[in-house]
Amino acid sequence: TTKYRKYLAPHNAENVVIEFLNNSKPKID
C-alpha cells in the first residue's frame, strides 16, 4: 500500500538512468 516500483532497465542501465536524471528528475524537482 505504500511501496511502488517503476522498472527502468533490466541491464545496461547507465544510459537509461542518465536519461531519467536529465529529463524526468527536473520535472519532479
PDB file of all heavy atoms in Angstrom:
ATOM      1  N   THR A   1       0.821  -1.216   0.000  1.00  0.00           N
ATOM      2  CA  THR A   1       0.000   0.000   0.000  1.00  0.00           C
ATOM      3  C   THR A   1       0.850   1.258   0.000  1.00  0.00           C
ATOM      4  O   THR A   1       0.374   2.327  -0.382  1.00  0.00           O
ATOM      5  CB  THR A   1      -0.931   0.025   1.226  1.00  0.00           C
ATOM      6  OG1 THR A   1      -0.137  -0.120   2.418  1.00  0.00           O
ATOM      7  CG2 THR A   1      -1.951  -1.101   1.150  1.00  0.00           C
ATOM      8  N   THR A   2       2.122   1.149   0.410  1.00  0.00           N
ATOM      9  CA  THR A   2       2.993   2.333   0.471  1.00  0.00           C
ATOM     10  C   THR A   2       4.326   2.113  -0.235  1.00  0.00           C
ATOM     11  O   THR A   2       5.296   2.815   0.030  1.00  0.00           O
ATOM     12  CB  THR A   2       3.259   2.732   1.935  1.00  0.00           C
ATOM     13  OG1 THR A   2       3.858   1.622   2.618  1.00  0.00           O
ATOM     14  CG2 THR A   2       1.979   3.153   2.631  1.00  0.00           C
ATOM     15  N   LYS A   3       4.391   1.160  -1.142  1.00  0.00           N
ATOM     16  CA  LYS A   3       5.641   0.903  -1.866  1.00  0.00           C
ATOM     17  C   LYS A   3       5.335   0.664  -3.340  1.00  0.00           C
ATOM     18  O   LYS A   3       4.550  -0.225  -3.684  1.00  0.00           O
ATOM     19  CB  LYS A   3       6.371  -0.312  -1.282  1.00  0.00           C
ATOM     20  CG  LYS A   3       7.711  -0.598  -1.950  1.00  0.00           C
ATOM     21  CD  LYS A   3       8.438  -1.755  -1.269  1.00  0.00           C
ATOM     22  CE  LYS A   3       9.786  -2.020  -1.930  1.00  0.00           C
ATOM     23  NZ  LYS A   3      10.507  -3.142  -1.273  1.00  0.00           N
ATOM     24  N   TYR A   4       5.991   1.446  -4.193  1.00  0.00           N
ATOM     25  CA  TYR A   4       5.744   1.386  -5.633  1.00  0.00           C
ATOM     26  C   TYR A   4       7.076   1.336  -6.374  1.00  0.00           C
ATOM     27  O   TYR A   4       8.087   1.894  -5.930  1.00  0.00           O
ATOM     28  CB  TYR A   4       4.936   2.604  -6.092  1.00  0.00           C
ATOM     29  CG  TYR A   4       3.528   2.630  -5.541  1.00  0.00           C
ATOM     30  CD1 TYR A   4       3.280   3.058  -4.233  1.00  0.00           C
ATOM     31  CD2 TYR A   4       2.443   2.236  -6.319  1.00  0.00           C
ATOM     32  CE1 TYR A   4       1.990   3.077  -3.718  1.00  0.00           C
ATOM     33  CE2 TYR A   4       1.150   2.262  -5.819  1.00  0.00           C
ATOM     34  CZ  TYR A   4       0.931   2.680  -4.516  1.00  0.00           C
ATOM     35  OH  TYR A   4      -0.338   2.710  -4.017  1.00  0.00           O
ATOM     36  N   ARG A   5       7.043   0.668  -7.530  1.00  0.00           N
ATOM     37  CA  ARG A   5       8.279   0.478  -8.299  1.00  0.00           C
ATOM     38  C   ARG A   5       8.018   0.749  -9.779  1.00  0.00           C
ATOM     39  O   ARG A   5       7.010   0.315 -10.336  1.00  0.00           O
ATOM     40  CB  ARG A   5       8.786  -0.961  -8.125  1.00  0.00           C
ATOM     41  CG  ARG A   5      10.009  -1.284  -8.962  1.00  0.00           C
ATOM     42  CD  ARG A   5      10.441  -2.731  -8.821  1.00  0.00           C
ATOM     43  NE  ARG A   5      10.901  -3.021  -7.474  1.00  0.00           N
ATOM     44  CZ  ARG A   5      10.267  -3.789  -6.604  1.00  0.00           C
ATOM     45  NH1 ARG A   5       9.113  -4.349  -6.946  1.00  0.00           N
ATOM     46  NH2 ARG A   5      10.760  -4.012  -5.419  1.00  0.00           N
ATOM     47  N   LYS A   6       8.966   1.451 -10.385  1.00  0.00           N
ATOM     48  CA  LYS A   6       8.938   1.680 -11.838  1.00  0.00           C
ATOM     49  C   LYS A   6      10.204   1.063 -12.424  1.00  0.00           C
ATOM     50  O   LYS A   6      11.315   1.439 -12.044  1.00  0.00           O
ATOM     51  CB  LYS A   6       8.898   3.176 -12.166  1.00  0.00           C
ATOM     52  CG  LYS A   6       9.002   3.505 -13.662  1.00  0.00           C
ATOM     53  CD  LYS A   6       9.025   5.017 -13.879  1.00  0.00           C
ATOM     54  CE  LYS A   6       9.309   5.369 -15.343  1.00  0.00           C
ATOM     55  NZ  LYS A   6       8.202   4.960 -16.223  1.00  0.00           N
ATOM     56  N   TYR A   7      10.053   0.119 -13.326  1.00  0.00           N
ATOM     57  CA  TYR A   7      11.203  -0.553 -13.923  1.00  0.00           C
ATOM     58  C   TYR A   7      11.881   0.372 -14.933  1.00  0.00           C
ATOM     59  O   TYR A   7      11.235   0.906 -15.838  1.00  0.00           O
ATOM     60  CB  TYR A   7      10.781  -1.854 -14.604  1.00  0.00           C
ATOM     61  CG  TYR A   7      10.351  -2.910 -13.608  1.00  0.00           C
ATOM     62  CD1 TYR A   7       9.008  -3.057 -13.253  1.00  0.00           C
ATOM     63  CD2 TYR A   7      11.294  -3.732 -13.007  1.00  0.00           C
ATOM     64  CE1 TYR A   7       8.622  -4.012 -12.315  1.00  0.00           C
ATOM     65  CE2 TYR A   7      10.909  -4.695 -12.075  1.00  0.00           C
ATOM     66  CZ  TYR A   7       9.578  -4.825 -11.741  1.00  0.00           C
ATOM     67  OH  TYR A   7       9.200  -5.758 -10.818  1.00  0.00           O
ATOM     68  N   LEU A   8      13.180   0.550 -14.766  1.00  0.00           N
ATOM     69  CA  LEU A   8      13.951   1.380 -15.697  1.00  0.00           C
ATOM     70  C   LEU A   8      14.651   0.539 -16.753  1.00  0.00           C
ATOM     71  O   LEU A   8      14.464   0.747 -17.946  1.00  0.00           O
ATOM     72  CB  LEU A   8      14.984   2.220 -14.929  1.00  0.00           C
ATOM     73  CG  LEU A   8      14.463   3.440 -14.178  1.00  0.00           C
ATOM     74  CD1 LEU A   8      15.616   4.172 -13.507  1.00  0.00           C
ATOM     75  CD2 LEU A   8      13.709   4.383 -15.109  1.00  0.00           C
ATOM     76  N   ALA A   9      15.483  -0.404 -16.298  1.00  0.00           N
ATOM     77  CA  ALA A   9      16.241  -1.213 -17.264  1.00  0.00           C
ATOM     78  C   ALA A   9      16.689  -2.507 -16.602  1.00  0.00           C
ATOM     79  O   ALA A   9      17.260  -2.476 -15.509  1.00  0.00           O
ATOM     80  CB  ALA A   9      17.451  -0.440 -17.779  1.00  0.00           C
ATOM     81  N   PRO A  10      16.462  -3.665 -17.249  1.00  0.00           N
ATOM     82  CA  PRO A  10      16.892  -4.943 -16.680  1.00  0.00           C
ATOM     83  C   PRO A  10      18.391  -5.194 -16.849  1.00  0.00           C
ATOM     84  O   PRO A  10      18.950  -6.079 -16.216  1.00  0.00           O
ATOM     85  CB  PRO A  10      16.069  -5.963 -17.463  1.00  0.00           C
ATOM     86  CG  PRO A  10      15.826  -5.306 -18.789  1.00  0.00           C
ATOM     87  CD  PRO A  10      15.695  -3.837 -18.493  1.00  0.00           C
ATOM     88  N   HIS A  11      19.059  -4.418 -17.709  1.00  0.00           N
ATOM     89  CA  HIS A  11      20.507  -4.496 -17.897  1.00  0.00           C
ATOM     90  C   HIS A  11      20.954  -3.264 -18.681  1.00  0.00           C
ATOM     91  O   HIS A  11      20.136  -2.522 -19.229  1.00  0.00           O
ATOM     92  CB  HIS A  11      20.917  -5.786 -18.628  1.00  0.00           C
ATOM     93  CG  HIS A  11      20.204  -5.995 -19.933  1.00  0.00           C
ATOM     94  ND1 HIS A  11      20.586  -5.379 -21.100  1.00  0.00           N
ATOM     95  CD2 HIS A  11      19.113  -6.727 -20.240  1.00  0.00           C
ATOM     96  CE1 HIS A  11      19.761  -5.734 -22.068  1.00  0.00           C
ATOM     97  NE2 HIS A  11      18.856  -6.552 -21.578  1.00  0.00           N
ATOM     98  N   ASN A  12      22.271  -3.004 -18.684  1.00  0.00           N
ATOM     99  CA  ASN A  12      22.827  -1.821 -19.365  1.00  0.00           C
ATOM    100  C   ASN A  12      22.037  -0.557 -18.995  1.00  0.00           C
ATOM    101  O   ASN A  12      21.589   0.205 -19.861  1.00  0.00           O
ATOM    102  CB  ASN A  12      22.817  -2.022 -20.884  1.00  0.00           C
ATOM    103  CG  ASN A  12      23.756  -3.125 -21.330  1.00  0.00           C
ATOM    104  OD1 ASN A  12      24.896  -3.195 -20.883  1.00  0.00           O
ATOM    105  ND2 ASN A  12      23.271  -4.012 -22.187  1.00  0.00           N
ATOM    106  N   ALA A  13      21.906  -0.341 -17.691  1.00  0.00           N
ATOM    107  CA  ALA A  13      21.005   0.713 -17.206  1.00  0.00           C
ATOM    108  C   ALA A  13      21.610   2.110 -17.222  1.00  0.00           C
ATOM    109  O   ALA A  13      20.894   3.097 -17.025  1.00  0.00           O
ATOM    110  CB  ALA A  13      20.557   0.382 -15.781  1.00  0.00           C
ATOM    111  N   GLU A  14      22.914   2.230 -17.449  1.00  0.00           N
ATOM    112  CA  GLU A  14      23.568   3.522 -17.295  1.00  0.00           C
ATOM    113  C   GLU A  14      22.903   4.622 -18.128  1.00  0.00           C
ATOM    114  O   GLU A  14      22.560   5.696 -17.612  1.00  0.00           O
ATOM    115  CB  GLU A  14      25.059   3.422 -17.664  1.00  0.00           C
ATOM    116  CG  GLU A  14      25.889   2.651 -16.649  1.00  0.00           C
ATOM    117  CD  GLU A  14      25.950   1.169 -16.941  1.00  0.00           C
ATOM    118  OE1 GLU A  14      25.038   0.657 -17.623  1.00  0.00           O
ATOM    119  OE2 GLU A  14      26.907   0.513 -16.476  1.00  0.00           O
ATOM    120  N   ASN A  15      22.716   4.378 -19.410  1.00  0.00           N
ATOM    121  CA  ASN A  15      22.148   5.414 -20.289  1.00  0.00           C
ATOM    122  C   ASN A  15      20.702   5.736 -19.922  1.00  0.00           C
ATOM    123  O   ASN A  15      20.270   6.893 -20.013  1.00  0.00           O
ATOM    124  CB  ASN A  15      22.236   4.966 -21.754  1.00  0.00           C
ATOM    125  CG  ASN A  15      23.661   4.947 -22.260  1.00  0.00           C
ATOM    126  OD1 ASN A  15      24.532   5.637 -21.728  1.00  0.00           O
ATOM    127  ND2 ASN A  15      23.914   4.167 -23.290  1.00  0.00           N
ATOM    128  N   VAL A  16      19.949   4.712 -19.494  1.00  0.00           N
ATOM    129  CA  VAL A  16      18.556   4.937 -19.105  1.00  0.00           C
ATOM    130  C   VAL A  16      18.489   5.801 -17.851  1.00  0.00           C
ATOM    131  O   VAL A  16      17.648   6.698 -17.732  1.00  0.00           O
ATOM    132  CB  VAL A  16      17.841   3.593 -18.876  1.00  0.00           C
ATOM    133  CG1 VAL A  16      16.401   3.821 -18.445  1.00  0.00           C
ATOM    134  CG2 VAL A  16      17.893   2.738 -20.139  1.00  0.00           C
ATOM    135  N   VAL A  17      19.399   5.550 -16.910  1.00  0.00           N
ATOM    136  CA  VAL A  17      19.432   6.351 -15.680  1.00  0.00           C
ATOM    137  C   VAL A  17      19.816   7.797 -16.001  1.00  0.00           C
ATOM    138  O   VAL A  17      19.207   8.741 -15.471  1.00  0.00           O
ATOM    139  CB  VAL A  17      20.426   5.735 -14.663  1.00  0.00           C
ATOM    140  CG1 VAL A  17      20.668   6.692 -13.499  1.00  0.00           C
ATOM    141  CG2 VAL A  17      19.888   4.400 -14.156  1.00  0.00           C
ATOM    142  N   ILE A  18      20.802   7.975 -16.854  1.00  0.00           N
ATOM    143  CA  ILE A  18      21.202   9.341 -17.235  1.00  0.00           C
ATOM    144  C   ILE A  18      20.040  10.064 -17.911  1.00  0.00           C
ATOM    145  O   ILE A  18      19.782  11.251 -17.656  1.00  0.00           O
ATOM    146  CB  ILE A  18      22.427   9.303 -18.167  1.00  0.00           C
ATOM    147  CG1 ILE A  18      23.643   8.723 -17.440  1.00  0.00           C
ATOM    148  CG2 ILE A  18      22.741  10.702 -18.681  1.00  0.00           C
ATOM    149  CD1 ILE A  18      24.040   9.438 -16.185  1.00  0.00           C
ATOM    150  N   GLU A  19      19.316   9.352 -18.762  1.00  0.00           N
ATOM    151  CA  GLU A  19      18.153   9.952 -19.421  1.00  0.00           C
ATOM    152  C   GLU A  19      17.099  10.361 -18.383  1.00  0.00           C
ATOM    153  O   GLU A  19      16.499  11.436 -18.490  1.00  0.00           O
ATOM    154  CB  GLU A  19      17.558   8.958 -20.423  1.00  0.00           C
ATOM    155  CG  GLU A  19      16.379   9.518 -21.199  1.00  0.00           C
ATOM    156  CD  GLU A  19      15.801   8.510 -22.185  1.00  0.00           C
ATOM    157  OE1 GLU A  19      16.399   7.426 -22.326  1.00  0.00           O
ATOM    158  OE2 GLU A  19      14.751   8.807 -22.781  1.00  0.00           O
ATOM    159  N   PHE A  20      16.890   9.517 -17.375  1.00  0.00           N
ATOM    160  CA  PHE A  20      15.947   9.852 -16.305  1.00  0.00           C
ATOM    161  C   PHE A  20      16.407  11.109 -15.559  1.00  0.00           C
ATOM    162  O   PHE A  20      15.600  12.007 -15.283  1.00  0.00           O
ATOM    163  CB  PHE A  20      15.818   8.681 -15.332  1.00  0.00           C
ATOM    164  CG  PHE A  20      15.081   9.031 -14.071  1.00  0.00           C
ATOM    165  CD1 PHE A  20      13.689   9.047 -14.035  1.00  0.00           C
ATOM    166  CD2 PHE A  20      15.784   9.369 -12.917  1.00  0.00           C
ATOM    167  CE1 PHE A  20      13.011   9.392 -12.875  1.00  0.00           C
ATOM    168  CE2 PHE A  20      15.112   9.710 -11.755  1.00  0.00           C
ATOM    169  CZ  PHE A  20      13.721   9.714 -11.731  1.00  0.00           C
ATOM    170  N   LEU A  21      17.682  11.178 -15.228  1.00  0.00           N
ATOM    171  CA  LEU A  21      18.199  12.330 -14.490  1.00  0.00           C
ATOM    172  C   LEU A  21      18.112  13.606 -15.319  1.00  0.00           C
ATOM    173  O   LEU A  21      17.859  14.695 -14.792  1.00  0.00           O
ATOM    174  CB  LEU A  21      19.648  12.074 -14.059  1.00  0.00           C
ATOM    175  CG  LEU A  21      19.863  10.938 -13.052  1.00  0.00           C
ATOM    176  CD1 LEU A  21      21.345  10.735 -12.777  1.00  0.00           C
ATOM    177  CD2 LEU A  21      19.115  11.195 -11.753  1.00  0.00           C
ATOM    178  N   ASN A  22      18.321  13.465 -16.621  1.00  0.00           N
ATOM    179  CA  ASN A  22      18.282  14.655 -17.495  1.00  0.00           C
ATOM    180  C   ASN A  22      16.859  15.133 -17.766  1.00  0.00           C
ATOM    181  O   ASN A  22      16.600  16.345 -17.772  1.00  0.00           O
ATOM    182  CB  ASN A  22      18.961  14.338 -18.834  1.00  0.00           C
ATOM    183  CG  ASN A  22      20.472  14.383 -18.733  1.00  0.00           C
ATOM    184  OD1 ASN A  22      21.029  15.072 -17.886  1.00  0.00           O
ATOM    185  ND2 ASN A  22      21.142  13.631 -19.599  1.00  0.00           N
ATOM    186  N   ASN A  23      15.940  14.218 -17.970  1.00  0.00           N
ATOM    187  CA  ASN A  23      14.614  14.585 -18.473  1.00  0.00           C
ATOM    188  C   ASN A  23      13.496  14.494 -17.437  1.00  0.00           C
ATOM    189  O   ASN A  23      12.591  15.336 -17.431  1.00  0.00           O
ATOM    190  CB  ASN A  23      14.253  13.699 -19.676  1.00  0.00           C
ATOM    191  CG  ASN A  23      15.247  13.842 -20.807  1.00  0.00           C
ATOM    192  OD1 ASN A  23      15.758  14.934 -21.036  1.00  0.00           O
ATOM    193  ND2 ASN A  23      15.542  12.762 -21.500  1.00  0.00           N
ATOM    194  N   SER A  24      13.552  13.500 -16.564  1.00  0.00           N
ATOM    195  CA  SER A  24      12.441  13.290 -15.627  1.00  0.00           C
ATOM    196  C   SER A  24      12.672  13.946 -14.275  1.00  0.00           C
ATOM    197  O   SER A  24      11.752  14.532 -13.696  1.00  0.00           O
ATOM    198  CB  SER A  24      12.199  11.791 -15.436  1.00  0.00           C
ATOM    199  OG  SER A  24      11.849  11.183 -16.661  1.00  0.00           O
ATOM    200  N   LYS A  25      13.885  13.849 -13.758  1.00  0.00           N
ATOM    201  CA  LYS A  25      14.124  14.408 -12.428  1.00  0.00           C
ATOM    202  C   LYS A  25      13.852  15.919 -12.373  1.00  0.00           C
ATOM    203  O   LYS A  25      13.289  16.403 -11.365  1.00  0.00           O
ATOM    204  CB  LYS A  25      15.542  14.100 -11.943  1.00  0.00           C
ATOM    205  CG  LYS A  25      15.768  14.537 -10.485  1.00  0.00           C
ATOM    206  CD  LYS A  25      17.136  14.141  -9.991  1.00  0.00           C
ATOM    207  CE  LYS A  25      17.314  14.558  -8.537  1.00  0.00           C
ATOM    208  NZ  LYS A  25      17.244  16.023  -8.354  1.00  0.00           N
ATOM    209  N   PRO A  26      14.215  16.705 -13.395  1.00  0.00           N
ATOM    210  CA  PRO A  26      13.883  18.145 -13.331  1.00  0.00           C
ATOM    211  C   PRO A  26      12.381  18.395 -13.181  1.00  0.00           C
ATOM    212  O   PRO A  26      11.974  19.355 -12.514  1.00  0.00           O
ATOM    213  CB  PRO A  26      14.411  18.684 -14.664  1.00  0.00           C
ATOM    214  CG  PRO A  26      15.522  17.759 -15.022  1.00  0.00           C
ATOM    215  CD  PRO A  26      15.068  16.406 -14.562  1.00  0.00           C
ATOM    216  N   LYS A  27      11.551  17.529 -13.755  1.00  0.00           N
ATOM    217  CA  LYS A  27      10.100  17.692 -13.614  1.00  0.00           C
ATOM    218  C   LYS A  27       9.659  17.399 -12.175  1.00  0.00           C
ATOM    219  O   LYS A  27       8.774  18.069 -11.645  1.00  0.00           O
ATOM    220  CB  LYS A  27       9.380  16.758 -14.592  1.00  0.00           C
ATOM    221  CG  LYS A  27       9.673  17.052 -16.061  1.00  0.00           C
ATOM    222  CD  LYS A  27       8.996  16.031 -16.964  1.00  0.00           C
ATOM    223  CE  LYS A  27       9.355  16.282 -18.429  1.00  0.00           C
ATOM    224  NZ  LYS A  27       8.752  15.268 -19.333  1.00  0.00           N
ATOM    225  N   ILE A  28      10.297  16.400 -11.558  1.00  0.00           N
ATOM    226  CA  ILE A  28       9.996  16.087 -10.158  1.00  0.00           C
ATOM    227  C   ILE A  28      10.451  17.240  -9.265  1.00  0.00           C
ATOM    228  O   ILE A  28       9.750  17.631  -8.318  1.00  0.00           O
ATOM    229  CB  ILE A  28      10.672  14.772  -9.737  1.00  0.00           C
ATOM    230  CG1 ILE A  28      10.228  13.617 -10.643  1.00  0.00           C
ATOM    231  CG2 ILE A  28      10.363  14.449  -8.283  1.00  0.00           C
ATOM    232  CD1 ILE A  28       8.751  13.351 -10.636  1.00  0.00           C
ATOM    233  N   ASP A  29      11.633  17.782  -9.556  1.00  0.00           N
ATOM    234  CA  ASP A  29      12.130  18.926  -8.781  1.00  0.00           C
ATOM    235  C   ASP A  29      11.151  20.103  -8.867  1.00  0.00           C
ATOM    236  O   ASP A  29      10.887  20.782  -7.866  1.00  0.00           O
ATOM    237  CB  ASP A  29      13.504  19.359  -9.297  1.00  0.00           C
ATOM    238  CG  ASP A  29      14.584  18.323  -9.019  1.00  0.00           C
ATOM    239  OD1 ASP A  29      14.322  17.399  -8.237  1.00  0.00           O
ATOM    240  OD2 ASP A  29      15.690  18.452  -9.587  1.00  0.00           O
TER     241      ASP A  29
END
